[in-house]
C-alpha atoms as a PDB file:
ATOM      1  CA  MET A   1      27.574  18.250  15.955  1.00  0.00           C
ATOM      2  CA  ARG A   2      24.262  17.223  14.391  1.00  0.00           C
ATOM      3  CA  PRO A   3      21.931  20.090  13.461  1.00  0.00           C
ATOM      4  CA  ALA A   4      18.899  20.800  15.626  1.00  0.00           C
ATOM      5  CA  TRP A   5      16.440  19.623  12.978  1.00  0.00           C
ATOM      6  CA  PHE A   6      18.196  16.240  12.825  1.00  0.00           C
ATOM      7  CA  ILE A   7      17.613  15.699  16.535  1.00  0.00           C
ATOM      8  CA  SER A   8      14.010  16.856  16.215  1.00  0.00           C
ATOM      9  CA  VAL A   9      13.265  14.424  13.405  1.00  0.00           C
ATOM     10  CA  VAL A  10      14.887  11.552  15.283  1.00  0.00           C
ATOM     11  CA  ALA A  11      12.562  12.375  18.180  1.00  0.00           C
ATOM     12  CA  LEU A  12       9.558  12.348  15.861  1.00  0.00           C
ATOM     13  CA  ALA A  13      10.624   9.027  14.382  1.00  0.00           C
ATOM     14  CA  ALA A  14      10.852   7.585  17.877  1.00  0.00           C
ATOM     15  CA  VAL A  15       7.341   8.780  18.648  1.00  0.00           C
ATOM     16  CA  LEU A  16       6.044   7.273  15.424  1.00  0.00           C
ATOM     17  CA  ALA A  17       7.763   3.953  16.051  1.00  0.00           C
ATOM     18  CA  ALA A  18       6.567   3.765  19.633  1.00  0.00           C
ATOM     19  CA  CYS A  19       2.905   4.568  19.153  1.00  0.00           C
ATOM     20  CA  SER A  20       2.336   4.850  15.386  1.00  0.00           C
ATOM     21  CA  SER A  21       1.057   8.382  15.907  1.00  0.00           C
ATOM     22  CA  ALA A  22       2.625  11.772  15.195  1.00  0.00           C
ATOM     23  CA  THR A  23       1.162  13.472  18.234  1.00  0.00           C
ATOM     24  CA  GLU A  24       3.214  16.647  18.026  1.00  0.00           C
ATOM     25  CA  ARG A  25       5.373  18.520  15.523  1.00  0.00           C
ATOM     26  CA  PRO A  26       9.084  18.901  16.269  1.00  0.00           C
ATOM     27  CA  GLY A  27       9.980  22.293  17.643  1.00  0.00           C
ATOM     28  CA  THR A  28      12.450  23.147  14.856  1.00  0.00           C
ATOM     29  CA  GLY A  29      13.479  22.013  11.420  1.00  0.00           C
ATOM     30  CA  VAL A  30      10.389  20.429   9.902  1.00  0.00           C
ATOM     31  CA  PRO A  31       8.583  23.178   7.997  1.00  0.00           C
ATOM     32  CA  PRO A  32       4.934  23.673   8.979  1.00  0.00           C
ATOM     33  CA  SER A  33       3.962  23.863   5.290  1.00  0.00           C
ATOM     34  CA  PRO A  34       6.652  22.080   3.255  1.00  0.00           C
ATOM     35  CA  LYS A  35       6.884  23.151  -0.370  1.00  0.00           C
ATOM     36  CA  ARG A  36       9.465  20.712  -1.706  1.00  0.00           C
ATOM     37  CA  ILE A  37       8.668  17.190  -0.536  1.00  0.00           C
ATOM     38  CA  VAL A  38      10.643  14.159  -1.682  1.00  0.00           C
ATOM     39  CA  VAL A  39       8.858  10.819  -1.248  1.00  0.00           C
ATOM     40  CA  LEU A  40      10.872   7.617  -0.992  1.00  0.00           C
ATOM     41  CA  SER A  41       7.950   5.202  -1.401  1.00  0.00           C
ATOM     42  CA  GLY A  42       5.575   5.224  -4.356  1.00  0.00           C
ATOM     43  CA  GLY A  43       2.933   3.715  -2.102  1.00  0.00           C
ATOM     44  CA  MET A  44       2.710   7.011  -0.195  1.00  0.00           C
ATOM     45  CA  THR A  45       2.725   9.481  -3.055  1.00  0.00           C
ATOM     46  CA  GLY A  46      -0.953   9.153  -3.932  1.00  0.00           C
ATOM     47  CA  ASP A  47      -1.900   9.960  -0.334  1.00  0.00           C
ATOM     48  CA  LEU A  48       0.211  13.104  -0.445  1.00  0.00           C
ATOM     49  CA  PHE A  49      -1.444  14.262  -3.654  1.00  0.00           C
ATOM     50  CA  ALA A  50      -4.837  13.584  -2.036  1.00  0.00           C
ATOM     51  CA  LEU A  51      -3.733  15.831   0.832  1.00  0.00           C
ATOM     52  CA  GLY A  52      -2.807  18.616  -1.589  1.00  0.00           C
ATOM     53  CA  ALA A  53       0.942  18.362  -1.008  1.00  0.00           C
ATOM     54  CA  THR A  54       3.648  19.517  -3.414  1.00  0.00           C
ATOM     55  CA  VAL A  55       5.892  16.593  -4.356  1.00  0.00           C
ATOM     56  CA  VAL A  56       9.040  17.588  -6.232  1.00  0.00           C
ATOM     57  CA  ALA A  57      10.459  14.076  -6.542  1.00  0.00           C
ATOM     58  CA  THR A  58       9.233  10.595  -5.741  1.00  0.00           C
ATOM     59  CA  ASP A  59       9.961   6.936  -5.998  1.00  0.00           C
ATOM     60  CA  THR A  60       7.707   5.602  -8.752  1.00  0.00           C
ATOM     61  CA  ARG A  61       7.543   1.939  -7.752  1.00  0.00           C
ATOM     62  CA  VAL A  62       4.201   0.542  -6.620  1.00  0.00           C
ATOM     63  CA  LEU A  63       4.190  -3.214  -6.185  1.00  0.00           C
ATOM     64  CA  GLY A  64       2.736  -4.935  -9.242  1.00  0.00           C
ATOM     65  CA  VAL A  65       1.800  -1.686 -11.023  1.00  0.00           C
ATOM     66  CA  THR A  66       3.132  -0.865 -14.504  1.00  0.00           C
ATOM     67  CA  ASN A  67       4.012   2.794 -14.947  1.00  0.00           C
ATOM     68  CA  ASP A  68       2.482   4.768 -17.809  1.00  0.00           C
ATOM     69  CA  GLU A  69       4.175   6.721 -20.586  1.00  0.00           C
ATOM     70  CA  HIS A  70       5.031   9.515 -18.132  1.00  0.00           C
ATOM     71  CA  GLY A  71       6.910   7.109 -15.918  1.00  0.00           C
ATOM     72  CA  PHE A  72       4.404   7.164 -13.050  1.00  0.00           C
ATOM     73  CA  PRO A  73       1.794   4.745 -11.717  1.00  0.00           C
ATOM     74  CA  PRO A  74      -1.449   5.519 -13.595  1.00  0.00           C
ATOM     75  CA  GLN A  75      -3.436   6.216 -10.415  1.00  0.00           C
ATOM     76  CA  TRP A  76      -1.475   9.385  -9.631  1.00  0.00           C
ATOM     77  CA  SER A  77       0.332  10.079 -12.887  1.00  0.00           C
ATOM     78  CA  ALA A  78      -1.875  13.063 -13.773  1.00  0.00           C
ATOM     79  CA  ALA A  79      -1.175  14.780 -10.454  1.00  0.00           C
ATOM     80  CA  ALA A  80       2.566  14.145 -10.729  1.00  0.00           C
ATOM     81  CA  THR A  81       2.700  15.373 -14.314  1.00  0.00           C
ATOM     82  CA  ALA A  82       0.737  18.514 -13.463  1.00  0.00           C
ATOM     83  CA  GLN A  83       3.145  19.346 -10.627  1.00  0.00           C
ATOM     84  CA  GLY A  84       6.259  18.599 -12.652  1.00  0.00           C
ATOM     85  CA  THR A  85       7.249  15.878 -10.213  1.00  0.00           C
ATOM     86  CA  VAL A  86      10.515  14.092 -11.009  1.00  0.00           C
ATOM     87  CA  GLY A  87      10.836  10.326 -10.663  1.00  0.00           C
ATOM     88  CA  LEU A  88      13.672   9.041  -8.502  1.00  0.00           C
ATOM     89  CA  PRO A  89      15.839   6.256  -9.947  1.00  0.00           C
ATOM     90  CA  GLY A  90      14.137   2.920  -9.284  1.00  0.00           C
ATOM     91  CA  VAL A  91      17.164   0.817  -8.446  1.00  0.00           C
ATOM     92  CA  ASP A  92      18.205  -1.659  -5.777  1.00  0.00           C
ATOM     93  CA  GLU A  93      20.027   1.071  -3.841  1.00  0.00           C
ATOM     94  CA  LEU A  94      18.471   4.362  -2.773  1.00  0.00           C
ATOM     95  CA  SER A  95      20.230   7.279  -4.497  1.00  0.00           C
ATOM     96  CA  THR A  96      20.735   9.920  -1.828  1.00  0.00           C
ATOM     97  CA  GLU A  97      22.408  12.015  -4.520  1.00  0.00           C
ATOM     98  CA  ALA A  98      19.132  12.139  -6.480  1.00  0.00           C
ATOM     99  CA  VAL A  99      17.267  13.047  -3.306  1.00  0.00           C
ATOM    100  CA  ALA A 100      19.689  15.891  -2.583  1.00  0.00           C
ATOM    101  CA  ALA A 101      19.456  17.141  -6.177  1.00  0.00           C
ATOM    102  CA  ALA A 102      15.718  17.745  -5.682  1.00  0.00           C
ATOM    103  CA  ARG A 103      16.528  20.249  -2.887  1.00  0.00           C
ATOM    104  CA  PRO A 104      13.811  19.005  -0.528  1.00  0.00           C
ATOM    105  CA  ASP A 105      12.613  20.814   2.552  1.00  0.00           C
ATOM    106  CA  LEU A 106      11.095  17.520   3.797  1.00  0.00           C
ATOM    107  CA  ILE A 107      11.804  13.855   3.036  1.00  0.00           C
ATOM    108  CA  LEU A 108       9.103  11.252   3.663  1.00  0.00           C
ATOM    109  CA  GLY A 109       9.550   7.497   3.490  1.00  0.00           C
ATOM    110  CA  GLY A 110       9.409   4.242   5.395  1.00  0.00           C
ATOM    111  CA  GLY A 111       6.342   2.014   5.404  1.00  0.00           C
ATOM    112  CA  GLN A 112       6.020  -1.426   3.867  1.00  0.00           C
ATOM    113  CA  GLY A 113       8.236  -3.072   1.276  1.00  0.00           C
ATOM    114  CA  ILE A 114      11.791  -2.676   0.029  1.00  0.00           C
ATOM    115  CA  THR A 115      11.565   1.114  -0.152  1.00  0.00           C
ATOM    116  CA  GLY A 116      10.973   1.240   3.598  1.00  0.00           C
ATOM    117  CA  VAL A 117      14.016  -0.949   4.203  1.00  0.00           C
ATOM    118  CA  GLN A 118      16.132   1.279   1.953  1.00  0.00           C
ATOM    119  CA  ALA A 119      14.997   4.455   3.710  1.00  0.00           C
ATOM    120  CA  GLU A 120      15.791   3.053   7.147  1.00  0.00           C
ATOM    121  CA  ALA A 121      19.238   1.930   6.004  1.00  0.00           C
ATOM    122  CA  ASN A 122      20.014   5.421   4.651  1.00  0.00           C
ATOM    123  CA  TYR A 123      18.358   7.454   7.393  1.00  0.00           C
ATOM    124  CA  ASP A 124      21.516   9.201   8.615  1.00  0.00           C
ATOM    125  CA  LYS A 125      22.425  10.328   5.093  1.00  0.00           C
ATOM    126  CA  LEU A 126      18.884  11.466   4.339  1.00  0.00           C
ATOM    127  CA  ALA A 127      18.544  13.411   7.571  1.00  0.00           C
ATOM    128  CA  ARG A 128      21.658  15.401   6.689  1.00  0.00           C
ATOM    129  CA  ILE A 129      19.975  16.493   3.438  1.00  0.00           C
ATOM    130  CA  ALA A 130      16.667  17.651   4.954  1.00  0.00           C
ATOM    131  CA  PRO A 131      14.293  16.845   7.819  1.00  0.00           C
ATOM    132  CA  THR A 132      13.295  13.209   7.345  1.00  0.00           C
ATOM    133  CA  VAL A 133      10.208  11.419   8.662  1.00  0.00           C
ATOM    134  CA  LEU A 134       9.832   7.656   8.231  1.00  0.00           C
ATOM    135  CA  ILE A 135       6.495   5.923   8.668  1.00  0.00           C
ATOM    136  CA  PRO A 136       7.053   2.748  10.737  1.00  0.00           C
ATOM    137  CA  ARG A 137       6.917  -0.530   8.856  1.00  0.00           C
ATOM    138  CA  THR A 138       4.410  -1.713  11.459  1.00  0.00           C
ATOM    139  CA  VAL A 139       1.804   0.652   9.990  1.00  0.00           C
ATOM    140  CA  THR A 140      -0.247  -1.540   7.634  1.00  0.00           C
ATOM    141  CA  SER A 141      -3.517   0.429   7.580  1.00  0.00           C
ATOM    142  CA  TRP A 142      -3.894   2.936   4.766  1.00  0.00           C
ATOM    143  CA  GLN A 143      -6.003   5.113   7.081  1.00  0.00           C
ATOM    144  CA  GLU A 144      -3.168   5.277   9.615  1.00  0.00           C
ATOM    145  CA  GLN A 145      -0.604   5.962   6.888  1.00  0.00           C
ATOM    146  CA  LEU A 146      -2.749   8.809   5.564  1.00  0.00           C
ATOM    147  CA  ARG A 147      -3.083  10.290   9.037  1.00  0.00           C
ATOM    148  CA  LEU A 148       0.654  10.111   9.799  1.00  0.00           C
ATOM    149  CA  LEU A 149       1.590  11.655   6.454  1.00  0.00           C
ATOM    150  CA  ALA A 150      -0.929  14.435   7.036  1.00  0.00           C
ATOM    151  CA  GLU A 151       0.567  15.137  10.463  1.00  0.00           C
ATOM    152  CA  ALA A 152       4.064  15.234   9.001  1.00  0.00           C
ATOM    153  CA  ILE A 153       3.139  17.917   6.448  1.00  0.00           C
ATOM    154  CA  GLY A 154       0.822  19.945   8.690  1.00  0.00           C
ATOM    155  CA  ARG A 155      -2.417  18.967   6.957  1.00  0.00           C
ATOM    156  CA  ALA A 156      -4.118  16.802   9.543  1.00  0.00           C
ATOM    157  CA  ASP A 157      -7.217  18.964   9.159  1.00  0.00           C
ATOM    158  CA  ARG A 158      -7.818  17.461   5.700  1.00  0.00           C
ATOM    159  CA  VAL A 159      -7.990  13.849   6.873  1.00  0.00           C
ATOM    160  CA  PRO A 160     -11.533  13.798   8.326  1.00  0.00           C
ATOM    161  CA  ALA A 161     -13.103  14.899   5.032  1.00  0.00           C
ATOM    162  CA  LEU A 162     -11.144  12.283   3.075  1.00  0.00           C
ATOM    163  CA  LEU A 163     -12.150   9.531   5.471  1.00  0.00           C
ATOM    164  CA  ARG A 164     -15.791  10.656   5.397  1.00  0.00           C
ATOM    165  CA  ALA A 165     -15.745  10.439   1.609  1.00  0.00           C
ATOM    166  CA  TYR A 166     -14.394   6.902   1.856  1.00  0.00           C
ATOM    167  CA  ASP A 167     -16.953   5.859   4.470  1.00  0.00           C
ATOM    168  CA  ASP A 168     -19.775   7.354   2.402  1.00  0.00           C
ATOM    169  CA  LYS A 169     -18.658   5.447  -0.690  1.00  0.00           C
ATOM    170  CA  LEU A 170     -18.267   2.240   1.299  1.00  0.00           C
ATOM    171  CA  ALA A 171     -21.799   2.574   2.671  1.00  0.00           C
ATOM    172  CA  SER A 172     -23.158   3.250  -0.810  1.00  0.00           C
ATOM    173  CA  VAL A 173     -21.386   0.239  -2.320  1.00  0.00           C
ATOM    174  CA  ARG A 174     -22.404  -2.017   0.555  1.00  0.00           C
ATOM    175  CA  ALA A 175     -26.050  -1.095   0.012  1.00  0.00           C
ATOM    176  CA  ALA A 176     -25.768  -1.886  -3.705  1.00  0.00           C
ATOM    177  CA  VAL A 177     -23.761  -5.115  -3.852  1.00  0.00           C
ATOM    178  CA  ASN A 178     -24.936  -8.695  -3.520  1.00  0.00           C
ATOM    179  CA  PRO A 179     -22.026 -10.649  -1.988  1.00  0.00           C
ATOM    180  CA  PRO A 180     -21.806 -14.299  -3.053  1.00  0.00           C
ATOM    181  CA  PRO A 181     -22.637 -16.911  -0.428  1.00  0.00           C
ATOM    182  CA  GLY A 182     -19.843 -18.523   1.505  1.00  0.00           C
ATOM    183  CA  PRO A 183     -16.324 -17.340   2.221  1.00  0.00           C
ATOM    184  CA  PHE A 184     -13.710 -16.002  -0.182  1.00  0.00           C
ATOM    185  CA  ALA A 185      -9.943 -16.327  -0.559  1.00  0.00           C
ATOM    186  CA  VAL A 186      -7.486 -13.769  -1.943  1.00  0.00           C
ATOM    187  CA  ILE A 187      -4.732 -15.226  -4.112  1.00  0.00           C
ATOM    188  CA  LEU A 188      -1.599 -13.291  -5.020  1.00  0.00           C
ATOM    189  CA  SER A 189      -0.070 -14.248  -8.343  1.00  0.00           C
ATOM    190  CA  ILE A 190       3.679 -13.998  -7.842  1.00  0.00           C
ATOM    191  CA  SER A 191       6.710 -15.474  -9.556  1.00  0.00           C
ATOM    192  CA  GLY A 192       7.935 -18.796  -8.264  1.00  0.00           C
ATOM    193  CA  SER A 193       6.395 -22.180  -7.696  1.00  0.00           C
ATOM    194  CA  GLN A 194       4.807 -21.644  -4.275  1.00  0.00           C
ATOM    195  CA  PRO A 195       1.198 -20.382  -4.091  1.00  0.00           C
ATOM    196  CA  CYS A 196       0.692 -17.146  -2.170  1.00  0.00           C
ATOM    197  CA  LEU A 197      -2.426 -16.124  -0.235  1.00  0.00           C
ATOM    198  CA  VAL A 198      -3.532 -13.054   1.712  1.00  0.00           C
ATOM    199  CA  PRO A 199      -4.596 -13.632   5.346  1.00  0.00           C
ATOM    200  CA  ALA A 200      -8.059 -12.596   6.472  1.00  0.00           C
ATOM    201  CA  ASP A 201      -6.792  -9.730   8.644  1.00  0.00           C
ATOM    202  CA  ALA A 202      -5.001  -7.894   5.808  1.00  0.00           C
ATOM    203  CA  GLN A 203      -6.314  -4.686   4.230  1.00  0.00           C
ATOM    204  CA  LEU A 204      -8.208  -6.044   1.230  1.00  0.00           C
ATOM    205  CA  PRO A 205     -10.065  -8.836   3.067  1.00  0.00           C
ATOM    206  CA  GLU A 206     -11.001  -6.302   5.742  1.00  0.00           C
ATOM    207  CA  LEU A 207     -12.411  -3.907   3.128  1.00  0.00           C
ATOM    208  CA  LEU A 208     -14.422  -6.738   1.600  1.00  0.00           C
ATOM    209  CA  ARG A 209     -15.648  -7.825   5.027  1.00  0.00           C
ATOM    210  CA  ARG A 210     -17.044  -4.340   5.591  1.00  0.00           C
ATOM    211  CA  LEU A 211     -18.964  -4.748   2.333  1.00  0.00           C
ATOM    212  CA  GLY A 212     -20.642  -7.914   3.588  1.00  0.00           C
ATOM    213  CA  PHE A 213     -18.251 -10.511   2.141  1.00  0.00           C
ATOM    214  CA  THR A 214     -16.886 -13.283   4.369  1.00  0.00           C
ATOM    215  CA  PRO A 215     -13.090 -13.744   4.388  1.00  0.00           C
ATOM    216  CA  ASP A 216     -11.969 -17.317   4.848  1.00  0.00           C
ATOM    217  CA  ASP A 217      -9.293 -18.122   7.421  1.00  0.00           C
ATOM    218  CA  VAL A 218      -6.854 -19.273   4.772  1.00  0.00           C
ATOM    219  CA  TRP A 219      -3.834 -18.836   7.040  1.00  0.00           C
ATOM    220  CA  ARG A 220      -5.190 -21.310   9.600  1.00  0.00           C
ATOM    221  CA  LYS A 221      -6.194 -23.741   6.845  1.00  0.00           C
ATOM    222  CA  ALA A 222      -2.628 -23.595   5.526  1.00  0.00           C
ATOM    223  CA  GLY A 223      -1.275 -24.586   8.931  1.00  0.00           C
ATOM    224  CA  ASN A 224      -0.290 -21.114  10.216  1.00  0.00           C
ATOM    225  CA  PRO A 225       2.851 -20.726   8.078  1.00  0.00           C
ATOM    226  CA  PRO A 226       5.242 -17.762   8.530  1.00  0.00           C
ATOM    227  CA  LYS A 227       3.824 -14.537   7.135  1.00  0.00           C
ATOM    228  CA  TYR A 228       5.864 -12.415   4.778  1.00  0.00           C
ATOM    229  CA  GLY A 229       7.157  -8.962   5.671  1.00  0.00           C
ATOM    230  CA  THR A 230       4.438  -6.980   7.424  1.00  0.00           C
ATOM    231  CA  GLY A 231       2.139  -9.985   7.606  1.00  0.00           C
ATOM    232  CA  ASP A 232      -0.096  -9.345   4.594  1.00  0.00           C
ATOM    233  CA  SER A 233       0.821 -12.481   2.635  1.00  0.00           C
ATOM    234  CA  PHE A 234       2.221 -15.968   3.037  1.00  0.00           C
ATOM    235  CA  THR A 235       3.338 -18.814   0.818  1.00  0.00           C
ATOM    236  CA  MET A 236       2.804 -22.558   1.179  1.00  0.00           C
ATOM    237  CA  SER A 237       3.672 -25.778  -0.550  1.00  0.00           C
ATOM    238  CA  PRO A 238       1.549 -26.466  -3.646  1.00  0.00           C
ATOM    239  CA  GLU A 239       0.113 -29.541  -1.942  1.00  0.00           C
ATOM    240  CA  LEU A 240      -1.623 -27.320   0.633  1.00  0.00           C
ATOM    241  CA  LEU A 241      -3.340 -24.978  -1.829  1.00  0.00           C
ATOM    242  CA  SER A 242      -6.461 -27.086  -2.300  1.00  0.00           C
ATOM    243  CA  GLN A 243      -6.845 -27.213   1.474  1.00  0.00           C
ATOM    244  CA  ALA A 244      -6.243 -23.515   2.140  1.00  0.00           C
ATOM    245  CA  ALA A 245      -8.025 -21.992  -0.875  1.00  0.00           C
ATOM    246  CA  ASP A 246     -11.136 -24.157  -1.011  1.00  0.00           C
ATOM    247  CA  ALA A 247     -13.500 -21.168  -0.674  1.00  0.00           C
ATOM    248  CA  PRO A 248     -16.262 -20.956  -3.313  1.00  0.00           C
ATOM    249  CA  THR A 249     -15.173 -17.429  -4.295  1.00  0.00           C
ATOM    250  CA  ALA A 250     -11.696 -16.106  -5.020  1.00  0.00           C
ATOM    251  CA  PHE A 251     -10.105 -12.753  -5.760  1.00  0.00           C
ATOM    252  CA  VAL A 252      -6.824 -12.808  -7.670  1.00  0.00           C
ATOM    253  CA  ILE A 253      -4.265 -10.009  -7.703  1.00  0.00           C
ATOM    254  CA  ARG A 254      -1.446 -10.342 -10.194  1.00  0.00           C
ATOM    255  CA  LEU A 255       1.808  -8.884  -8.885  1.00  0.00           C
ATOM    256  CA  THR A 256       4.801 -10.571 -10.541  1.00  0.00           C
ATOM    257  CA  GLY A 257       3.207 -13.827 -11.652  1.00  0.00           C
ATOM    258  CA  ARG A 258       0.716 -15.303 -14.091  1.00  0.00           C
ATOM    259  CA  THR A 259      -2.596 -13.972 -15.326  1.00  0.00           C
ATOM    260  CA  VAL A 260      -5.891 -15.413 -14.138  1.00  0.00           C
ATOM    261  CA  ALA A 261      -6.262 -17.267 -17.447  1.00  0.00           C
ATOM    262  CA  GLU A 262      -2.807 -18.802 -17.023  1.00  0.00           C
ATOM    263  CA  LEU A 263      -3.597 -19.833 -13.462  1.00  0.00           C
ATOM    264  CA  ALA A 264      -6.887 -21.364 -14.612  1.00  0.00           C
ATOM    265  CA  ALA A 265      -4.975 -23.506 -17.104  1.00  0.00           C
ATOM    266  CA  ASP A 266      -2.802 -24.905 -14.322  1.00  0.00           C
ATOM    267  CA  PRO A 267      -4.324 -28.079 -12.814  1.00  0.00           C
ATOM    268  CA  LEU A 268      -3.197 -26.930  -9.379  1.00  0.00           C
ATOM    269  CA  TYR A 269      -5.584 -23.963  -9.561  1.00  0.00           C
ATOM    270  CA  ALA A 270      -8.136 -25.395 -11.964  1.00  0.00           C
ATOM    271  CA  ARG A 271      -9.381 -27.846  -9.359  1.00  0.00           C
ATOM    272  CA  LEU A 272     -10.084 -25.138  -6.778  1.00  0.00           C
ATOM    273  CA  PRO A 273     -13.858 -24.598  -6.351  1.00  0.00           C
ATOM    274  CA  ALA A 274     -13.695 -20.922  -7.299  1.00  0.00           C
ATOM    275  CA  PHE A 275     -11.826 -21.622 -10.553  1.00  0.00           C
ATOM    276  CA  ARG A 276     -13.889 -24.705 -11.351  1.00  0.00           C
ATOM    277  CA  ASP A 277     -17.164 -22.787 -10.947  1.00  0.00           C
ATOM    278  CA  HIS A 278     -15.894 -19.558 -12.563  1.00  0.00           C
ATOM    279  CA  GLN A 279     -16.242 -17.535  -9.364  1.00  0.00           C
ATOM    280  CA  VAL A 280     -12.908 -15.729  -9.687  1.00  0.00           C
ATOM    281  CA  THR A 281     -12.627 -11.940  -9.780  1.00  0.00           C
ATOM    282  CA  GLU A 282      -9.386 -10.256 -10.794  1.00  0.00           C
ATOM    283  CA  LEU A 283      -8.417  -7.056  -8.974  1.00  0.00           C
ATOM    284  CA  PRO A 284      -5.543  -4.700  -9.853  1.00  0.00           C
ATOM    285  CA  ALA A 285      -2.278  -4.627  -7.955  1.00  0.00           C
ATOM    286  CA  SER A 286      -3.313  -1.326  -6.353  1.00  0.00           C
ATOM    287  CA  SER A 287      -5.968  -3.261  -4.404  1.00  0.00           C
ATOM    288  CA  TYR A 288      -3.323  -5.212  -2.489  1.00  0.00           C
ATOM    289  CA  ARG A 289      -1.487  -2.652  -0.355  1.00  0.00           C
ATOM    290  CA  LEU A 290      -4.077   0.061  -0.402  1.00  0.00           C
ATOM    291  CA  ASP A 291      -3.636   3.792  -0.273  1.00  0.00           C
ATOM    292  CA  TYR A 292      -6.518   6.282  -0.222  1.00  0.00           C
ATOM    293  CA  ASP A 293      -7.044   6.280  -3.970  1.00  0.00           C
ATOM    294  CA  GLY A 294      -6.600   2.512  -4.191  1.00  0.00           C
ATOM    295  CA  ALA A 295      -9.310   2.003  -1.578  1.00  0.00           C
ATOM    296  CA  LEU A 296     -11.760   4.187  -3.512  1.00  0.00           C
ATOM    297  CA  ARG A 297     -10.968   2.455  -6.802  1.00  0.00           C
ATOM    298  CA  THR A 298     -11.380  -0.972  -5.225  1.00  0.00           C
ATOM    299  CA  LEU A 299     -14.806   0.011  -3.916  1.00  0.00           C
ATOM    300  CA  ASP A 300     -15.783   1.081  -7.426  1.00  0.00           C
ATOM    301  CA  LEU A 301     -14.589  -2.227  -8.888  1.00  0.00           C
ATOM    302  CA  ILE A 302     -16.416  -4.331  -6.301  1.00  0.00           C
ATOM    303  CA  GLY A 303     -19.539  -2.242  -6.746  1.00  0.00           C
ATOM    304  CA  GLY A 304     -19.475  -2.703 -10.498  1.00  0.00           C
ATOM    305  CA  THR A 305     -18.785  -6.447 -10.331  1.00  0.00           C
ATOM    306  CA  PHE A 306     -21.232  -7.526  -7.629  1.00  0.00           C
ATOM    307  CA  ARG A 307     -24.052  -5.027  -8.091  1.00  0.00           C
END
């Protein structure tokens, strides 16, 4: 027979998947104030530190980010080091043995990327270790991810202040920046021969839109190709790049591919208006799939570049 907390967490996961909202806490099992949280996605860990949570072990992989000498992404390395957080093995298969060794009272995972896929595939094993809550892969807004994580750990009361701080910074940056005329495109630098762009409805273009920038409809210009994963990127044939990314301004995020200088030396990119006229701004990988800290840092970068 499955323990009561297993059934409760399955019910919570169903609620999350159905409406992307943790509207109520399970009656048993999930601690109201967890003290030993294990996080299965490095893209969630920064949010948990922002919420004041105690993370005993975490996945350390954040797409495109190089970990520092402590083995953590730089944006939350100090918090992890201060708490004595242990990094989980970053391998192709999720190690449930490493999760169990951390003696968690709550396991959090799911969300976008390979770590979400791994957590879903191992849900039954994880739920036998400790109460397990998975954020649905359909949640692509960092604000919604923050809110769901806060609900899961009983700290929903902290979310309004964090969001107010973000909105205040956004308003301040918007008042200070001078967006360039015309639309912009966001280019992801990834390995492989096919160019990769970010559609206008993804997180980063939406943040820039709120600052007064104009995202170009690059997906339509590319002929509405299939979107990757959760819909925040797509690839196309090289022949279509000049058609899809003809905006006068471009932002480039290097994930697994070439630097901006290397792209600029490639005739395929060199003939794009933004590269030709030197209107290309490089942003860090943490600006792609934003968390709370990544959103604040991106605002600072845009404010400093376009002031």
